[in-house]
Amino acid sequence: RVLEDPRLFRLLAALWPGAWVTVAHKWLRAVPRGRFTGVHTDEAYFGRCCPSLLTCWLPVDDLPIARGTLLVSTRYHRAAAFKALRATYGWRRVGSDGTDSGWLSDNAADVDAVGDAGWVTSAMAMGDVVLLPPSTLHLFATNTTESLRLSCDTRWHRAAHSLCGPRDTVGAAAAGTQPSAVLGTTCTRRR
């Protein structure tokens, strides 16, 4: 019920009018002490095939910063220092190891060596919702506590768009509306 709660469908439709669906697969994370997720964008995993794709990140428990919360770059999407990286990253093939493949780095300081990424973070609480377009540069800091960081990633897109490949979607918030011209209406497969 939580990951496909009707309130999530209503939230997306309120922010971006139209029908929304969620990908059937959900990514549940249980991150122990000493583990983290490296610097990446979701384009490295999903490509740029669906113009309305969003990640919805949900903490399953209250998460103090020490438990390894989300850090988001406030400058990657527009800073000139990252222009060449934005033009190429997300188009490459992701490795098959399933753990850190697709990461730009396991250290945010490496990214800051290219340009100031403007990292921001906050403690999170159960019930918080973070929506990220696939081009958002982000990472999850190291969990320095004895407790697991419990969270879940879900993927959403407009019902009028399809994901490239055989992925099931679930539900719709409002039927019959067209996607906005800003998001476009076509899918192009990742190279």
N, C-alpha and C. Protein backbone atom coordinates (compact mmCIF):
# COMPACT_ATOMS: atom_id res chain seq x y z
N ARG A 1 0.82 -1.20 0.00
CA ARG A 1 0.00 0.00 0.00
C ARG A 1 0.87 1.27 0.00
N VAL A 2 1.96 1.27 0.73
CA VAL A 2 2.78 2.47 0.85
C VAL A 2 3.40 2.87 -0.48
N LEU A 3 3.96 1.91 -1.21
CA LEU A 3 4.72 2.22 -2.41
C LEU A 3 3.85 2.57 -3.61
N GLU A 4 2.59 2.21 -3.55
CA GLU A 4 1.64 2.56 -4.61
C GLU A 4 0.41 3.23 -4.00
N ASP A 5 0.65 3.98 -2.94
CA ASP A 5 -0.43 4.66 -2.24
C ASP A 5 -1.13 5.64 -3.18
N PRO A 6 -2.45 5.70 -3.14
CA PRO A 6 -3.17 6.65 -4.00
C PRO A 6 -2.71 8.10 -3.83
N ARG A 7 -2.17 8.43 -2.64
CA ARG A 7 -1.69 9.81 -2.43
C ARG A 7 -0.48 10.12 -3.31
N LEU A 8 0.35 9.11 -3.63
CA LEU A 8 1.47 9.34 -4.54
C LEU A 8 0.96 9.64 -5.95
N PHE A 9 -0.04 8.91 -6.40
CA PHE A 9 -0.63 9.18 -7.71
C PHE A 9 -1.21 10.60 -7.74
N ARG A 10 -1.91 10.98 -6.66
CA ARG A 10 -2.51 12.33 -6.60
C ARG A 10 -1.42 13.41 -6.55
N LEU A 11 -0.33 13.16 -5.80
CA LEU A 11 0.76 14.12 -5.72
C LEU A 11 1.34 14.39 -7.09
N LEU A 12 1.67 13.34 -7.82
CA LEU A 12 2.24 13.51 -9.16
C LEU A 12 1.29 14.23 -10.09
N ALA A 13 0.01 13.86 -10.06
CA ALA A 13 -0.98 14.51 -10.92
C ALA A 13 -1.17 15.98 -10.54
N ALA A 14 -1.01 16.30 -9.25
CA ALA A 14 -1.13 17.70 -8.82
C ALA A 14 0.07 18.52 -9.28
N LEU A 15 1.27 17.92 -9.24
CA LEU A 15 2.47 18.64 -9.66
C LEU A 15 2.58 18.74 -11.18
N TRP A 16 2.26 17.66 -11.86
CA TRP A 16 2.34 17.59 -13.32
C TRP A 16 1.06 16.93 -13.81
N PRO A 17 0.02 17.72 -14.14
CA PRO A 17 -1.29 17.16 -14.49
C PRO A 17 -1.20 16.07 -15.56
N GLY A 18 -2.01 15.07 -15.37
CA GLY A 18 -2.08 13.94 -16.29
C GLY A 18 -2.07 12.64 -15.53
N ALA A 19 -2.19 11.56 -16.27
CA ALA A 19 -2.19 10.22 -15.68
C ALA A 19 -0.76 9.74 -15.47
N TRP A 20 -0.50 9.16 -14.31
CA TRP A 20 0.81 8.64 -13.96
C TRP A 20 0.70 7.16 -13.63
N VAL A 21 1.74 6.41 -13.94
CA VAL A 21 1.83 4.99 -13.60
C VAL A 21 3.17 4.74 -12.93
N THR A 22 3.24 3.64 -12.21
CA THR A 22 4.48 3.27 -11.55
C THR A 22 4.98 1.94 -12.10
N VAL A 23 6.29 1.82 -12.18
CA VAL A 23 6.90 0.58 -12.64
C VAL A 23 6.66 -0.48 -11.57
N ALA A 24 6.31 -1.67 -11.98
CA ALA A 24 5.96 -2.74 -11.03
C ALA A 24 7.12 -3.11 -10.11
N HIS A 25 8.35 -3.08 -10.61
CA HIS A 25 9.51 -3.42 -9.79
C HIS A 25 9.82 -2.28 -8.83
N LYS A 26 10.05 -2.61 -7.57
CA LYS A 26 10.43 -1.63 -6.55
C LYS A 26 11.80 -2.01 -6.01
N TRP A 27 12.62 -1.01 -5.68
CA TRP A 27 13.97 -1.25 -5.19
C TRP A 27 14.01 -0.97 -3.69
N LEU A 28 13.91 -2.01 -2.87
CA LEU A 28 13.99 -1.87 -1.43
C LEU A 28 15.46 -1.89 -1.02
N ARG A 29 15.86 -0.93 -0.21
CA ARG A 29 17.26 -0.82 0.22
C ARG A 29 17.36 -1.03 1.74
N ALA A 30 18.28 -1.87 2.15
CA ALA A 30 18.61 -2.08 3.56
C ALA A 30 20.12 -1.94 3.66
N VAL A 31 20.59 -0.74 4.00
CA VAL A 31 22.01 -0.41 3.93
C VAL A 31 22.63 -0.47 5.33
N PRO A 32 23.60 -1.37 5.54
CA PRO A 32 24.22 -1.51 6.86
C PRO A 32 25.32 -0.47 7.10
N ARG A 33 25.84 -0.49 8.31
CA ARG A 33 26.96 0.38 8.71
C ARG A 33 28.12 0.23 7.72
N GLY A 34 28.72 1.36 7.35
CA GLY A 34 29.88 1.37 6.48
C GLY A 34 29.58 1.32 5.00
N ARG A 35 28.32 1.20 4.60
CA ARG A 35 27.96 1.11 3.19
C ARG A 35 27.32 2.42 2.73
N PHE A 36 27.33 2.65 1.43
CA PHE A 36 26.83 3.88 0.83
C PHE A 36 26.48 3.58 -0.62
N THR A 37 25.95 4.57 -1.30
CA THR A 37 25.72 4.51 -2.75
C THR A 37 26.51 5.64 -3.37
N GLY A 38 27.32 5.33 -4.38
CA GLY A 38 28.19 6.32 -5.00
C GLY A 38 27.46 7.36 -5.82
N VAL A 39 28.21 8.34 -6.28
CA VAL A 39 27.71 9.45 -7.07
C VAL A 39 27.20 8.92 -8.41
N HIS A 40 25.96 9.26 -8.75
CA HIS A 40 25.37 8.78 -10.00
C HIS A 40 24.13 9.60 -10.37
N THR A 41 23.68 9.41 -11.57
CA THR A 41 22.33 9.82 -11.97
C THR A 41 21.60 8.55 -12.37
N ASP A 42 20.29 8.57 -12.32
CA ASP A 42 19.53 7.39 -12.71
C ASP A 42 19.55 7.18 -14.22
N GLU A 43 20.00 8.19 -14.98
CA GLU A 43 20.16 8.00 -16.43
C GLU A 43 21.15 6.88 -16.73
N ALA A 44 22.11 6.66 -15.85
CA ALA A 44 23.08 5.60 -16.06
C ALA A 44 22.42 4.23 -16.07
N TYR A 45 21.28 4.12 -15.42
CA TYR A 45 20.58 2.84 -15.32
C TYR A 45 19.37 2.76 -16.25
N PHE A 46 18.70 3.89 -16.45
CA PHE A 46 17.46 3.90 -17.24
C PHE A 46 17.62 4.59 -18.59
N GLY A 47 18.78 5.20 -18.82
CA GLY A 47 18.97 5.93 -20.07
C GLY A 47 18.08 7.15 -20.12
N ARG A 48 17.84 7.61 -21.31
CA ARG A 48 17.02 8.80 -21.52
C ARG A 48 15.82 8.44 -22.38
N CYS A 49 15.30 7.24 -22.17
CA CYS A 49 14.28 6.72 -23.08
C CYS A 49 12.88 7.21 -22.78
N CYS A 50 12.59 7.60 -21.57
CA CYS A 50 11.24 8.01 -21.22
C CYS A 50 11.28 9.44 -20.69
N PRO A 51 10.74 10.40 -21.43
CA PRO A 51 10.90 11.81 -21.05
C PRO A 51 10.24 12.21 -19.74
N SER A 52 9.33 11.41 -19.22
CA SER A 52 8.66 11.80 -17.97
C SER A 52 9.08 10.95 -16.78
N LEU A 53 10.09 10.12 -16.92
CA LEU A 53 10.49 9.23 -15.84
C LEU A 53 10.92 10.02 -14.61
N LEU A 54 10.45 9.59 -13.44
CA LEU A 54 10.84 10.16 -12.16
C LEU A 54 11.16 9.03 -11.19
N THR A 55 12.12 9.28 -10.31
CA THR A 55 12.36 8.40 -9.19
C THR A 55 11.66 9.00 -7.97
N CYS A 56 10.96 8.16 -7.27
CA CYS A 56 10.33 8.56 -6.01
C CYS A 56 11.07 7.81 -4.91
N TRP A 57 11.81 8.54 -4.08
CA TRP A 57 12.59 7.93 -3.00
C TRP A 57 11.82 8.11 -1.71
N LEU A 58 11.63 7.01 -0.99
CA LEU A 58 10.84 7.01 0.24
C LEU A 58 11.65 6.40 1.39
N PRO A 59 11.92 7.16 2.44
CA PRO A 59 12.53 6.55 3.62
C PRO A 59 11.48 5.69 4.33
N VAL A 60 11.86 4.49 4.73
CA VAL A 60 10.93 3.57 5.39
C VAL A 60 10.98 3.76 6.91
N ASP A 61 11.92 4.55 7.37
CA ASP A 61 12.13 4.82 8.79
C ASP A 61 12.64 6.25 8.90
N ASP A 62 12.63 6.81 10.09
CA ASP A 62 13.27 8.11 10.28
C ASP A 62 14.77 7.94 10.08
N LEU A 63 15.36 8.85 9.29
CA LEU A 63 16.77 8.71 8.94
C LEU A 63 17.56 9.97 9.31
N PRO A 64 18.31 9.90 10.40
CA PRO A 64 19.24 11.00 10.68
C PRO A 64 20.35 10.98 9.63
N ILE A 65 21.03 12.08 9.46
CA ILE A 65 22.09 12.17 8.45
C ILE A 65 23.14 11.08 8.66
N ALA A 66 23.45 10.74 9.89
CA ALA A 66 24.47 9.72 10.18
C ALA A 66 24.12 8.35 9.61
N ARG A 67 22.84 8.12 9.32
CA ARG A 67 22.45 6.82 8.77
C ARG A 67 22.63 6.76 7.25
N GLY A 68 23.13 7.85 6.67
CA GLY A 68 23.44 7.82 5.25
C GLY A 68 22.31 8.31 4.37
N THR A 69 21.88 9.52 4.58
CA THR A 69 20.77 10.05 3.81
C THR A 69 21.21 10.50 2.42
N LEU A 70 20.23 10.90 1.67
CA LEU A 70 20.39 11.35 0.29
C LEU A 70 21.12 12.69 0.22
N LEU A 71 22.10 12.81 -0.67
CA LEU A 71 22.72 14.08 -1.01
C LEU A 71 22.42 14.36 -2.47
N VAL A 72 22.00 15.58 -2.77
CA VAL A 72 21.63 15.97 -4.12
C VAL A 72 22.49 17.16 -4.55
N SER A 73 22.94 17.13 -5.78
CA SER A 73 23.69 18.25 -6.34
C SER A 73 22.71 19.32 -6.80
N THR A 74 22.97 20.55 -6.37
CA THR A 74 22.12 21.67 -6.79
C THR A 74 22.66 22.38 -8.02
N ARG A 75 23.84 21.97 -8.50
CA ARG A 75 24.47 22.70 -9.61
C ARG A 75 24.79 21.85 -10.84
N TYR A 76 24.79 20.54 -10.72
CA TYR A 76 25.20 19.67 -11.83
C TYR A 76 24.40 19.94 -13.12
N HIS A 77 23.12 20.15 -12.99
CA HIS A 77 22.24 20.26 -14.17
C HIS A 77 22.44 21.56 -14.95
N ARG A 78 23.15 22.54 -14.37
CA ARG A 78 23.29 23.81 -15.10
C ARG A 78 24.71 24.38 -15.14
N ALA A 79 25.61 23.86 -14.34
CA ALA A 79 26.97 24.42 -14.27
C ALA A 79 27.76 24.08 -15.52
N ALA A 80 28.44 25.06 -16.08
CA ALA A 80 29.25 24.87 -17.29
C ALA A 80 30.33 23.82 -17.08
N ALA A 81 30.86 23.71 -15.87
CA ALA A 81 31.92 22.74 -15.59
C ALA A 81 31.48 21.30 -15.85
N PHE A 82 30.17 21.04 -15.81
CA PHE A 82 29.66 19.68 -15.99
C PHE A 82 29.04 19.46 -17.37
N LYS A 83 29.17 20.42 -18.27
CA LYS A 83 28.52 20.32 -19.58
C LYS A 83 28.94 19.06 -20.35
N ALA A 84 30.23 18.79 -20.44
CA ALA A 84 30.70 17.62 -21.18
C ALA A 84 30.23 16.32 -20.52
N LEU A 85 30.22 16.28 -19.20
CA LEU A 85 29.76 15.11 -18.49
C LEU A 85 28.27 14.87 -18.74
N ARG A 86 27.47 15.94 -18.69
CA ARG A 86 26.03 15.80 -18.94
C ARG A 86 25.77 15.28 -20.35
N ALA A 87 26.62 15.65 -21.30
CA ALA A 87 26.42 15.23 -22.70
C ALA A 87 26.75 13.76 -22.92
N THR A 88 27.53 13.15 -22.03
CA THR A 88 27.97 11.77 -22.26
C THR A 88 27.50 10.79 -21.20
N TYR A 89 27.48 11.21 -19.94
CA TYR A 89 27.10 10.31 -18.86
C TYR A 89 25.61 9.98 -18.95
N GLY A 90 25.26 8.74 -18.79
CA GLY A 90 23.87 8.31 -18.94
C GLY A 90 23.62 7.65 -20.27
N TRP A 91 24.56 7.82 -21.21
CA TRP A 91 24.46 7.16 -22.51
C TRP A 91 25.32 5.90 -22.56
N ARG A 92 26.23 5.78 -21.62
CA ARG A 92 27.13 4.62 -21.65
C ARG A 92 26.43 3.39 -21.08
N ARG A 93 26.98 2.23 -21.40
CA ARG A 93 26.43 0.99 -20.87
C ARG A 93 26.83 0.84 -19.41
N VAL A 94 25.91 0.34 -18.62
CA VAL A 94 26.17 0.08 -17.21
C VAL A 94 26.72 -1.33 -17.09
N GLY A 95 27.70 -1.52 -16.20
CA GLY A 95 28.29 -2.84 -15.99
C GLY A 95 27.30 -3.84 -15.43
N SER A 96 27.74 -5.06 -15.30
CA SER A 96 26.83 -6.12 -14.86
C SER A 96 27.05 -6.53 -13.41
N ASP A 97 27.88 -5.80 -12.65
CA ASP A 97 28.16 -6.24 -11.28
C ASP A 97 27.00 -5.97 -10.33
N GLY A 98 26.08 -5.08 -10.69
CA GLY A 98 24.89 -4.87 -9.89
C GLY A 98 25.10 -4.11 -8.60
N THR A 99 26.30 -3.68 -8.28
CA THR A 99 26.51 -2.94 -7.04
C THR A 99 26.88 -1.50 -7.34
N ASP A 100 28.09 -1.27 -7.82
CA ASP A 100 28.51 0.11 -8.03
C ASP A 100 28.62 0.48 -9.50
N SER A 101 28.20 -0.39 -10.40
CA SER A 101 28.28 -0.05 -11.82
C SER A 101 27.37 1.14 -12.10
N GLY A 102 27.84 2.02 -12.93
CA GLY A 102 27.09 3.23 -13.23
C GLY A 102 27.47 4.42 -12.37
N TRP A 103 28.21 4.18 -11.29
CA TRP A 103 28.63 5.29 -10.44
C TRP A 103 29.69 6.11 -11.16
N LEU A 104 29.60 7.42 -11.01
CA LEU A 104 30.69 8.28 -11.46
C LEU A 104 31.88 8.13 -10.53
N SER A 105 31.59 7.99 -9.25
CA SER A 105 32.64 7.88 -8.24
C SER A 105 32.01 7.38 -6.96
N ASP A 106 32.86 6.88 -6.07
CA ASP A 106 32.37 6.56 -4.74
C ASP A 106 32.69 7.68 -3.75
N ASN A 107 33.09 8.83 -4.28
CA ASN A 107 33.49 9.95 -3.44
C ASN A 107 32.99 11.26 -4.05
N ALA A 108 32.14 11.96 -3.35
CA ALA A 108 31.60 13.23 -3.86
C ALA A 108 32.70 14.26 -4.11
N ALA A 109 33.80 14.17 -3.38
CA ALA A 109 34.91 15.12 -3.59
C ALA A 109 35.50 14.97 -4.99
N ASP A 110 35.45 13.77 -5.58
CA ASP A 110 35.93 13.59 -6.95
C ASP A 110 35.11 14.43 -7.92
N VAL A 111 33.82 14.49 -7.70
CA VAL A 111 32.93 15.28 -8.57
C VAL A 111 33.21 16.76 -8.35
N ASP A 112 33.43 17.16 -7.10
CA ASP A 112 33.72 18.56 -6.81
C ASP A 112 35.05 19.01 -7.41
N ALA A 113 35.92 18.08 -7.73
CA ALA A 113 37.18 18.43 -8.40
C ALA A 113 36.91 18.92 -9.83
N VAL A 114 35.80 18.46 -10.44
CA VAL A 114 35.40 18.92 -11.77
C VAL A 114 34.75 20.30 -11.68
N GLY A 115 33.93 20.48 -10.69
CA GLY A 115 33.22 21.74 -10.47
C GLY A 115 32.42 21.62 -9.19
N ASP A 116 32.08 22.73 -8.58
CA ASP A 116 31.32 22.72 -7.33
C ASP A 116 29.92 22.19 -7.60
N ALA A 117 29.62 20.99 -7.09
CA ALA A 117 28.33 20.37 -7.34
C ALA A 117 27.24 20.91 -6.42
N GLY A 118 27.61 21.62 -5.36
CA GLY A 118 26.61 22.19 -4.46
C GLY A 118 25.78 21.14 -3.75
N TRP A 119 26.44 20.22 -3.06
CA TRP A 119 25.73 19.13 -2.39
C TRP A 119 24.87 19.63 -1.24
N VAL A 120 23.64 19.14 -1.15
CA VAL A 120 22.74 19.44 -0.03
C VAL A 120 22.16 18.14 0.50
N THR A 121 21.85 18.12 1.79
CA THR A 121 21.23 16.96 2.41
C THR A 121 20.39 17.40 3.59
N SER A 122 19.68 16.48 4.16
CA SER A 122 18.87 16.74 5.34
C SER A 122 18.53 15.41 5.98
N ALA A 123 18.24 15.45 7.26
CA ALA A 123 17.64 14.27 7.88
C ALA A 123 16.29 14.03 7.20
N MET A 124 15.88 12.78 7.13
CA MET A 124 14.61 12.44 6.50
C MET A 124 13.74 11.72 7.52
N ALA A 125 12.44 11.79 7.31
CA ALA A 125 11.51 11.12 8.21
C ALA A 125 10.59 10.20 7.41
N MET A 126 10.17 9.12 8.06
CA MET A 126 9.22 8.23 7.43
C MET A 126 8.01 9.08 6.99
N GLY A 127 7.60 8.92 5.76
CA GLY A 127 6.52 9.72 5.20
C GLY A 127 7.00 10.81 4.27
N ASP A 128 8.31 11.15 4.34
CA ASP A 128 8.86 12.10 3.37
C ASP A 128 8.87 11.47 1.98
N VAL A 129 8.77 12.31 0.97
CA VAL A 129 8.81 11.87 -0.42
C VAL A 129 9.80 12.77 -1.15
N VAL A 130 10.76 12.15 -1.86
CA VAL A 130 11.71 12.90 -2.66
C VAL A 130 11.53 12.46 -4.11
N LEU A 131 11.25 13.42 -5.00
CA LEU A 131 11.07 13.14 -6.42
C LEU A 131 12.29 13.65 -7.17
N LEU A 132 12.89 12.78 -7.98
CA LEU A 132 14.10 13.14 -8.72
C LEU A 132 13.93 12.79 -10.19
N PRO A 133 14.17 13.74 -11.10
CA PRO A 133 14.28 13.34 -12.51
C PRO A 133 15.55 12.53 -12.70
N PRO A 134 15.63 11.70 -13.74
CA PRO A 134 16.79 10.83 -13.90
C PRO A 134 18.12 11.55 -14.10
N SER A 135 18.10 12.83 -14.44
CA SER A 135 19.34 13.57 -14.66
C SER A 135 19.89 14.19 -13.37
N THR A 136 19.24 13.97 -12.24
CA THR A 136 19.70 14.54 -10.97
C THR A 136 20.91 13.78 -10.44
N LEU A 137 22.01 14.49 -10.23
CA LEU A 137 23.21 13.89 -9.66
C LEU A 137 23.00 13.75 -8.15
N HIS A 138 23.19 12.53 -7.65
CA HIS A 138 22.96 12.29 -6.23
C HIS A 138 23.78 11.11 -5.74
N LEU A 139 23.79 10.93 -4.42
CA LEU A 139 24.44 9.80 -3.77
C LEU A 139 23.80 9.61 -2.42
N PHE A 140 24.11 8.51 -1.78
CA PHE A 140 23.70 8.28 -0.40
C PHE A 140 24.95 8.16 0.43
N ALA A 141 25.05 8.98 1.46
CA ALA A 141 26.24 9.03 2.30
C ALA A 141 26.41 7.72 3.06
N THR A 142 27.60 7.51 3.59
CA THR A 142 27.91 6.31 4.36
C THR A 142 27.06 6.25 5.62
N ASN A 143 26.52 5.08 5.87
CA ASN A 143 25.79 4.83 7.11
C ASN A 143 26.83 4.61 8.20
N THR A 144 26.88 5.51 9.17
CA THR A 144 27.87 5.41 10.25
C THR A 144 27.23 4.91 11.56
N THR A 145 26.00 4.44 11.49
CA THR A 145 25.30 3.96 12.68
C THR A 145 25.24 2.44 12.69
N GLU A 146 24.74 1.89 13.76
CA GLU A 146 24.55 0.43 13.86
C GLU A 146 23.21 0.00 13.27
N SER A 147 22.36 0.94 12.90
CA SER A 147 21.04 0.63 12.35
C SER A 147 21.07 0.61 10.83
N LEU A 148 20.23 -0.21 10.24
CA LEU A 148 20.09 -0.22 8.79
C LEU A 148 19.43 1.06 8.29
N ARG A 149 19.86 1.56 7.13
CA ARG A 149 19.10 2.61 6.43
C ARG A 149 18.10 1.89 5.56
N LEU A 150 16.82 2.07 5.87
CA LEU A 150 15.75 1.42 5.12
C LEU A 150 15.06 2.46 4.24
N SER A 151 15.04 2.18 2.94
CA SER A 151 14.39 3.09 2.01
C SER A 151 13.94 2.31 0.79
N CYS A 152 13.18 2.96 -0.05
CA CYS A 152 12.71 2.31 -1.27
C CYS A 152 12.71 3.33 -2.41
N ASP A 153 13.16 2.87 -3.58
CA ASP A 153 13.09 3.66 -4.80
C ASP A 153 11.97 3.09 -5.65
N THR A 154 11.11 3.94 -6.13
CA THR A 154 10.11 3.52 -7.09
C THR A 154 10.23 4.43 -8.31
N ARG A 155 9.85 3.94 -9.45
CA ARG A 155 9.93 4.73 -10.68
C ARG A 155 8.53 4.98 -11.20
N TRP A 156 8.32 6.19 -11.68
CA TRP A 156 7.02 6.64 -12.16
C TRP A 156 7.19 7.29 -13.52
N HIS A 157 6.17 7.25 -14.33
CA HIS A 157 6.17 7.98 -15.61
C HIS A 157 4.74 8.24 -16.04
N ARG A 158 4.58 9.18 -16.95
CA ARG A 158 3.25 9.48 -17.46
C ARG A 158 2.71 8.26 -18.19
N ALA A 159 1.43 8.03 -18.04
CA ALA A 159 0.80 6.88 -18.69
C ALA A 159 0.93 6.96 -20.21
N ALA A 160 1.01 8.17 -20.76
CA ALA A 160 1.12 8.35 -22.21
C ALA A 160 2.49 7.96 -22.74
N HIS A 161 3.48 7.82 -21.88
CA HIS A 161 4.83 7.44 -22.28
C HIS A 161 5.05 5.98 -21.91
N SER A 162 5.87 5.32 -22.67
CA SER A 162 6.24 3.96 -22.29
C SER A 162 7.73 3.94 -21.99
N LEU A 163 8.10 3.02 -21.13
CA LEU A 163 9.52 2.79 -20.90
C LEU A 163 10.05 1.98 -22.06
N CYS A 164 11.31 2.15 -22.39
CA CYS A 164 11.91 1.37 -23.46
C CYS A 164 12.21 -0.02 -22.92
N GLY A 165 11.53 -0.99 -23.41
CA GLY A 165 11.73 -2.36 -22.95
C GLY A 165 10.50 -2.89 -22.26
N PRO A 166 10.50 -4.16 -21.94
CA PRO A 166 9.32 -4.81 -21.37
C PRO A 166 9.21 -4.62 -19.87
N ARG A 167 8.69 -3.51 -19.42
CA ARG A 167 8.51 -3.26 -18.00
C ARG A 167 7.03 -3.03 -17.73
N ASP A 168 6.53 -3.66 -16.71
CA ASP A 168 5.12 -3.51 -16.36
C ASP A 168 4.92 -2.23 -15.58
N THR A 169 3.78 -1.62 -15.76
CA THR A 169 3.43 -0.45 -14.97
C THR A 169 2.12 -0.73 -14.25
N VAL A 170 1.87 0.04 -13.20
CA VAL A 170 0.71 -0.18 -12.35
C VAL A 170 -0.03 1.13 -12.17
N GLY A 171 -1.34 1.13 -12.39
CA GLY A 171 -2.21 2.24 -12.02
C GLY A 171 -2.13 3.46 -12.88
N ALA A 172 -3.04 4.38 -12.65
CA ALA A 172 -3.06 5.68 -13.33
C ALA A 172 -3.80 6.66 -12.45
N ALA A 173 -3.34 7.91 -12.44
CA ALA A 173 -3.95 8.93 -11.59
C ALA A 173 -5.14 9.58 -12.27
N ALA A 174 -5.04 9.85 -13.54
CA ALA A 174 -6.14 10.48 -14.28
C ALA A 174 -6.00 10.11 -15.74
N ALA A 175 -7.03 9.59 -16.30
CA ALA A 175 -6.94 9.08 -17.67
C ALA A 175 -7.23 10.17 -18.69
N GLY A 176 -6.69 9.97 -19.89
CA GLY A 176 -7.08 10.79 -21.03
C GLY A 176 -6.37 12.11 -21.21
N THR A 177 -5.39 12.45 -20.41
CA THR A 177 -4.72 13.74 -20.59
C THR A 177 -3.42 13.53 -21.35
N GLN A 178 -3.00 14.53 -22.07
CA GLN A 178 -1.79 14.47 -22.88
C GLN A 178 -0.61 15.00 -22.11
N PRO A 179 0.58 14.45 -22.33
CA PRO A 179 1.77 14.97 -21.68
C PRO A 179 2.10 16.38 -22.17
N SER A 180 2.79 17.12 -21.35
CA SER A 180 3.11 18.49 -21.73
C SER A 180 4.18 18.51 -22.82
N ALA A 181 4.23 19.57 -23.56
CA ALA A 181 5.23 19.72 -24.62
C ALA A 181 6.63 19.78 -24.04
N VAL A 182 6.74 20.25 -22.79
CA VAL A 182 8.05 20.34 -22.16
C VAL A 182 8.67 18.95 -22.01
N LEU A 183 7.86 17.97 -21.60
CA LEU A 183 8.38 16.64 -21.39
C LEU A 183 8.45 15.83 -22.68
N GLY A 184 7.75 16.25 -23.72
CA GLY A 184 7.78 15.54 -25.00
C GLY A 184 6.94 14.28 -24.97
N THR A 185 6.89 13.59 -26.10
CA THR A 185 6.02 12.43 -26.18
C THR A 185 6.69 11.21 -26.79
N THR A 186 7.95 11.27 -27.10
CA THR A 186 8.59 10.13 -27.75
C THR A 186 9.67 9.52 -26.86
N CYS A 187 9.90 8.26 -27.08
CA CYS A 187 10.99 7.57 -26.39
C CYS A 187 12.08 7.27 -27.40
N THR A 188 13.31 7.51 -27.02
CA THR A 188 14.43 7.09 -27.86
C THR A 188 15.28 6.16 -27.02
N ARG A 189 15.68 5.07 -27.59
CA ARG A 189 16.45 4.08 -26.85
C ARG A 189 17.85 4.59 -26.55
N ARG A 190 18.37 4.16 -25.41
CA ARG A 190 19.73 4.47 -25.02
C ARG A 190 20.68 3.79 -25.98
N ARG A 191 21.76 4.48 -26.35
CA ARG A 191 22.76 3.90 -27.26
C ARG A 191 23.41 2.68 -26.68
